[in-house]
Amino acid sequence: MAHDSRPLSPDLQIYRPQLTSVLSVSHRVTGIALSVGTLLLISWLIAAAAGPQAYSTVHGFIGSWFGLVLLFGWTFSFFFHLCNGIRHLVWDAGCGFELSTIYASGWTVIAASTVLTVVAWFASFVVVG
C-alpha cells in the first residue's frame, strides 16, 4: 500500500474561508466579547455603588480612548450577535437555506450591525451632548 504525502482532509493553508464560516467564527467570538465586556459593565455598577472615588476611577478608564474603543467593540459585538442570532432563528424555522439567500443574509448581518452600532453611538453623543 503506497502512502501519499497529501493530507487526508483539506489543509487550512489551501482552504479559502467563506462568508458563512467567517460569520460562524465571528458569532462565537462576539459571544465571548460580550461576556468579557459585561465584566466591565459590572465593575462600573459596583464602583457606582462603592462611592464617588471608585466610580471616578472606573469612569475615568471607561472615558479614556482605550475604554471608548472597548465600548465601541462591545456595542458592535452586541449588535452583530443580535443580528446573527436572528439569522439563526430564521434558519431554525427552516427558511433561508438557498445559497443566494445565505450570502444575502450574511452581508445584511454585517451591514445592519455596522449601521446599528453607528446609530447607537451617534444617538448617545446627541443625547449626552
C-alpha atoms as a PDB file:
ATOM      1  CA  MET A   1       0.000   0.000   0.000  1.00  0.00           C
ATOM      2  CA  ALA A   2       1.543   3.267  -1.142  1.00  0.00           C
ATOM      3  CA  HIS A   3       1.486   6.270   1.189  1.00  0.00           C
ATOM      4  CA  ASP A   4       0.643   9.634  -0.335  1.00  0.00           C
ATOM      5  CA  SER A   5       2.188  12.755   1.093  1.00  0.00           C
ATOM      6  CA  ARG A   6      -1.104  14.574   0.587  1.00  0.00           C
ATOM      7  CA  PRO A   7      -3.248  15.381   3.643  1.00  0.00           C
ATOM      8  CA  LEU A   8      -6.424  13.339   4.120  1.00  0.00           C
ATOM      9  CA  SER A   9      -8.551  16.396   4.787  1.00  0.00           C
ATOM     10  CA  PRO A  10      -8.478  19.943   3.392  1.00  0.00           C
ATOM     11  CA  ASP A  11      -5.419  21.763   4.625  1.00  0.00           C
ATOM     12  CA  LEU A  12      -6.009  25.158   6.225  1.00  0.00           C
ATOM     13  CA  GLN A  13      -3.294  26.669   4.055  1.00  0.00           C
ATOM     14  CA  ILE A  14      -5.236  25.952   0.867  1.00  0.00           C
ATOM     15  CA  TYR A  15      -8.747  26.416   2.252  1.00  0.00           C
ATOM     16  CA  ARG A  16     -10.353  29.741   1.365  1.00  0.00           C
ATOM     17  CA  PRO A  17     -12.641  30.938   4.173  1.00  0.00           C
ATOM     18  CA  GLN A  18     -16.224  31.513   3.092  1.00  0.00           C
ATOM     19  CA  LEU A  19     -18.610  34.142   4.388  1.00  0.00           C
ATOM     20  CA  THR A  20     -20.592  31.531   6.301  1.00  0.00           C
ATOM     21  CA  SER A  21     -17.542  30.163   8.116  1.00  0.00           C
ATOM     22  CA  VAL A  22     -16.244  33.644   8.933  1.00  0.00           C
ATOM     23  CA  LEU A  23     -19.643  34.671  10.332  1.00  0.00           C
ATOM     24  CA  SER A  24     -19.864  31.461  12.346  1.00  0.00           C
ATOM     25  CA  VAL A  25     -16.487  32.061  13.979  1.00  0.00           C
ATOM     26  CA  SER A  26     -17.334  35.758  14.455  1.00  0.00           C
ATOM     27  CA  HIS A  27     -20.590  34.825  16.180  1.00  0.00           C
ATOM     28  CA  ARG A  28     -18.652  32.763  18.714  1.00  0.00           C
ATOM     29  CA  VAL A  29     -16.003  35.474  19.184  1.00  0.00           C
ATOM     30  CA  THR A  30     -18.622  38.183  19.732  1.00  0.00           C
ATOM     31  CA  GLY A  31     -20.325  35.963  22.304  1.00  0.00           C
ATOM     32  CA  ILE A  32     -17.050  35.793  24.227  1.00  0.00           C
ATOM     33  CA  ALA A  33     -16.522  39.552  23.780  1.00  0.00           C
ATOM     34  CA  LEU A  34     -19.986  40.198  25.213  1.00  0.00           C
ATOM     35  CA  SER A  35     -19.153  38.091  28.259  1.00  0.00           C
ATOM     36  CA  VAL A  36     -15.874  39.928  28.849  1.00  0.00           C
ATOM     37  CA  GLY A  37     -17.483  43.323  28.174  1.00  0.00           C
ATOM     38  CA  THR A  38     -20.180  42.548  30.705  1.00  0.00           C
ATOM     39  CA  LEU A  39     -17.457  42.335  33.342  1.00  0.00           C
ATOM     40  CA  LEU A  40     -16.583  45.961  32.551  1.00  0.00           C
ATOM     41  CA  LEU A  41     -20.244  46.922  32.936  1.00  0.00           C
ATOM     42  CA  ILE A  42     -20.447  45.061  36.246  1.00  0.00           C
ATOM     43  CA  SER A  43     -17.298  46.799  37.516  1.00  0.00           C
ATOM     44  CA  TRP A  44     -18.864  50.147  36.605  1.00  0.00           C
ATOM     45  CA  LEU A  45     -22.031  49.275  38.552  1.00  0.00           C
ATOM     46  CA  ILE A  46     -20.069  48.040  41.570  1.00  0.00           C
ATOM     47  CA  ALA A  47     -17.961  51.216  41.506  1.00  0.00           C
ATOM     48  CA  ALA A  48     -21.120  53.327  41.392  1.00  0.00           C
ATOM     49  CA  ALA A  49     -22.373  51.523  44.497  1.00  0.00           C
ATOM     50  CA  ALA A  50     -18.972  51.743  46.236  1.00  0.00           C
ATOM     51  CA  GLY A  51     -18.786  55.504  46.239  1.00  0.00           C
ATOM     52  CA  PRO A  52     -17.590  58.554  44.337  1.00  0.00           C
ATOM     53  CA  GLN A  53     -13.870  57.753  44.404  1.00  0.00           C
ATOM     54  CA  ALA A  54     -14.287  54.225  42.974  1.00  0.00           C
ATOM     55  CA  TYR A  55     -16.816  55.484  40.449  1.00  0.00           C
ATOM     56  CA  SER A  56     -14.474  58.260  39.340  1.00  0.00           C
ATOM     57  CA  THR A  57     -11.647  55.766  38.779  1.00  0.00           C
ATOM     58  CA  VAL A  58     -13.732  53.381  36.663  1.00  0.00           C
ATOM     59  CA  HIS A  59     -15.441  56.229  34.836  1.00  0.00           C
ATOM     60  CA  GLY A  60     -12.023  57.700  34.011  1.00  0.00           C
ATOM     61  CA  PHE A  61     -10.973  54.392  32.455  1.00  0.00           C
ATOM     62  CA  ILE A  62     -14.210  53.993  30.510  1.00  0.00           C
ATOM     63  CA  GLY A  63     -13.962  57.597  29.310  1.00  0.00           C
ATOM     64  CA  SER A  64     -10.377  57.169  28.080  1.00  0.00           C
ATOM     65  CA  TRP A  65      -9.661  56.472  24.424  1.00  0.00           C
ATOM     66  CA  PHE A  66      -8.956  52.802  25.221  1.00  0.00           C
ATOM     67  CA  GLY A  67     -12.181  52.462  27.207  1.00  0.00           C
ATOM     68  CA  LEU A  68     -14.172  54.041  24.387  1.00  0.00           C
ATOM     69  CA  VAL A  69     -12.625  51.636  21.873  1.00  0.00           C
ATOM     70  CA  LEU A  70     -13.609  48.743  24.147  1.00  0.00           C
ATOM     71  CA  LEU A  71     -17.146  50.111  24.451  1.00  0.00           C
ATOM     72  CA  PHE A  72     -17.403  50.585  20.691  1.00  0.00           C
ATOM     73  CA  GLY A  73     -16.247  46.994  20.134  1.00  0.00           C
ATOM     74  CA  TRP A  74     -18.675  45.767  22.767  1.00  0.00           C
ATOM     75  CA  THR A  75     -21.502  47.659  21.081  1.00  0.00           C
ATOM     76  CA  PHE A  76     -20.627  46.188  17.681  1.00  0.00           C
ATOM     77  CA  SER A  77     -20.369  42.730  19.253  1.00  0.00           C
ATOM     78  CA  PHE A  78     -23.814  43.168  20.773  1.00  0.00           C
ATOM     79  CA  PHE A  79     -25.466  44.175  17.515  1.00  0.00           C
ATOM     80  CA  PHE A  80     -23.593  41.578  15.459  1.00  0.00           C
ATOM     81  CA  HIS A  81     -24.523  38.805  17.878  1.00  0.00           C
ATOM     82  CA  LEU A  82     -28.135  40.026  17.898  1.00  0.00           C
ATOM     83  CA  CYS A  83     -28.462  40.224  14.103  1.00  0.00           C
ATOM     84  CA  ASN A  84     -26.699  36.923  13.514  1.00  0.00           C
ATOM     85  CA  GLY A  85     -28.845  35.320  16.221  1.00  0.00           C
ATOM     86  CA  ILE A  86     -31.962  36.472  14.378  1.00  0.00           C
ATOM     87  CA  ARG A  87     -30.499  34.968  11.205  1.00  0.00           C
ATOM     88  CA  HIS A  88     -30.039  31.663  13.039  1.00  0.00           C
ATOM     89  CA  LEU A  89     -33.613  31.792  14.325  1.00  0.00           C
ATOM     90  CA  VAL A  90     -34.816  32.129  10.730  1.00  0.00           C
ATOM     91  CA  TRP A  91     -32.665  29.131   9.832  1.00  0.00           C
ATOM     92  CA  ASP A  92     -34.148  27.196  12.764  1.00  0.00           C
ATOM     93  CA  ALA A  93     -37.559  27.819  11.211  1.00  0.00           C
ATOM     94  CA  GLY A  94     -36.272  26.076   8.077  1.00  0.00           C
ATOM     95  CA  CYS A  95     -36.044  29.180   5.896  1.00  0.00           C
ATOM     96  CA  GLY A  96     -33.202  30.878   4.063  1.00  0.00           C
ATOM     97  CA  PHE A  97     -31.014  27.948   3.062  1.00  0.00           C
ATOM     98  CA  GLU A  98     -30.691  28.837  -0.618  1.00  0.00           C
ATOM     99  CA  LEU A  99     -27.087  29.785  -1.365  1.00  0.00           C
ATOM    100  CA  SER A 100     -28.000  33.268  -2.607  1.00  0.00           C
ATOM    101  CA  THR A 101     -30.144  33.867   0.488  1.00  0.00           C
ATOM    102  CA  ILE A 102     -27.364  32.679   2.789  1.00  0.00           C
ATOM    103  CA  TYR A 103     -24.924  35.190   1.308  1.00  0.00           C
ATOM    104  CA  ALA A 104     -27.518  37.988   1.224  1.00  0.00           C
ATOM    105  CA  SER A 105     -28.434  37.433   4.865  1.00  0.00           C
ATOM    106  CA  GLY A 106     -24.753  37.262   5.825  1.00  0.00           C
ATOM    107  CA  TRP A 107     -23.966  40.598   4.232  1.00  0.00           C
ATOM    108  CA  THR A 108     -27.176  42.002   5.749  1.00  0.00           C
ATOM    109  CA  VAL A 109     -25.971  40.952   9.218  1.00  0.00           C
ATOM    110  CA  ILE A 110     -22.684  42.785   8.675  1.00  0.00           C
ATOM    111  CA  ALA A 111     -24.360  45.912   7.299  1.00  0.00           C
ATOM    112  CA  ALA A 112     -27.088  46.000   9.954  1.00  0.00           C
ATOM    113  CA  SER A 113     -24.561  45.519  12.756  1.00  0.00           C
ATOM    114  CA  THR A 114     -22.433  48.363  11.454  1.00  0.00           C
ATOM    115  CA  VAL A 115     -25.379  50.718  10.942  1.00  0.00           C
ATOM    116  CA  LEU A 116     -26.907  49.926  14.344  1.00  0.00           C
ATOM    117  CA  THR A 117     -23.562  50.495  16.074  1.00  0.00           C
ATOM    118  CA  VAL A 118     -23.024  53.857  14.380  1.00  0.00           C
ATOM    119  CA  VAL A 119     -26.621  54.938  15.062  1.00  0.00           C
ATOM    120  CA  ALA A 120     -26.349  53.932  18.737  1.00  0.00           C
ATOM    121  CA  TRP A 121     -23.105  55.865  19.192  1.00  0.00           C
ATOM    122  CA  PHE A 122     -24.407  58.876  17.278  1.00  0.00           C
ATOM    123  CA  ALA A 123     -27.588  58.867  19.379  1.00  0.00           C
ATOM    124  CA  SER A 124     -25.599  58.596  22.598  1.00  0.00           C
ATOM    125  CA  PHE A 125     -23.489  61.637  21.667  1.00  0.00           C
ATOM    126  CA  VAL A 126     -26.555  63.639  20.646  1.00  0.00           C
ATOM    127  CA  VAL A 127     -28.462  62.774  23.853  1.00  0.00           C
ATOM    128  CA  VAL A 128     -25.483  63.114  26.211  1.00  0.00           C
ATOM    129  CA  GLY A 129     -24.183  66.143  24.412  1.00  0.00           C
END
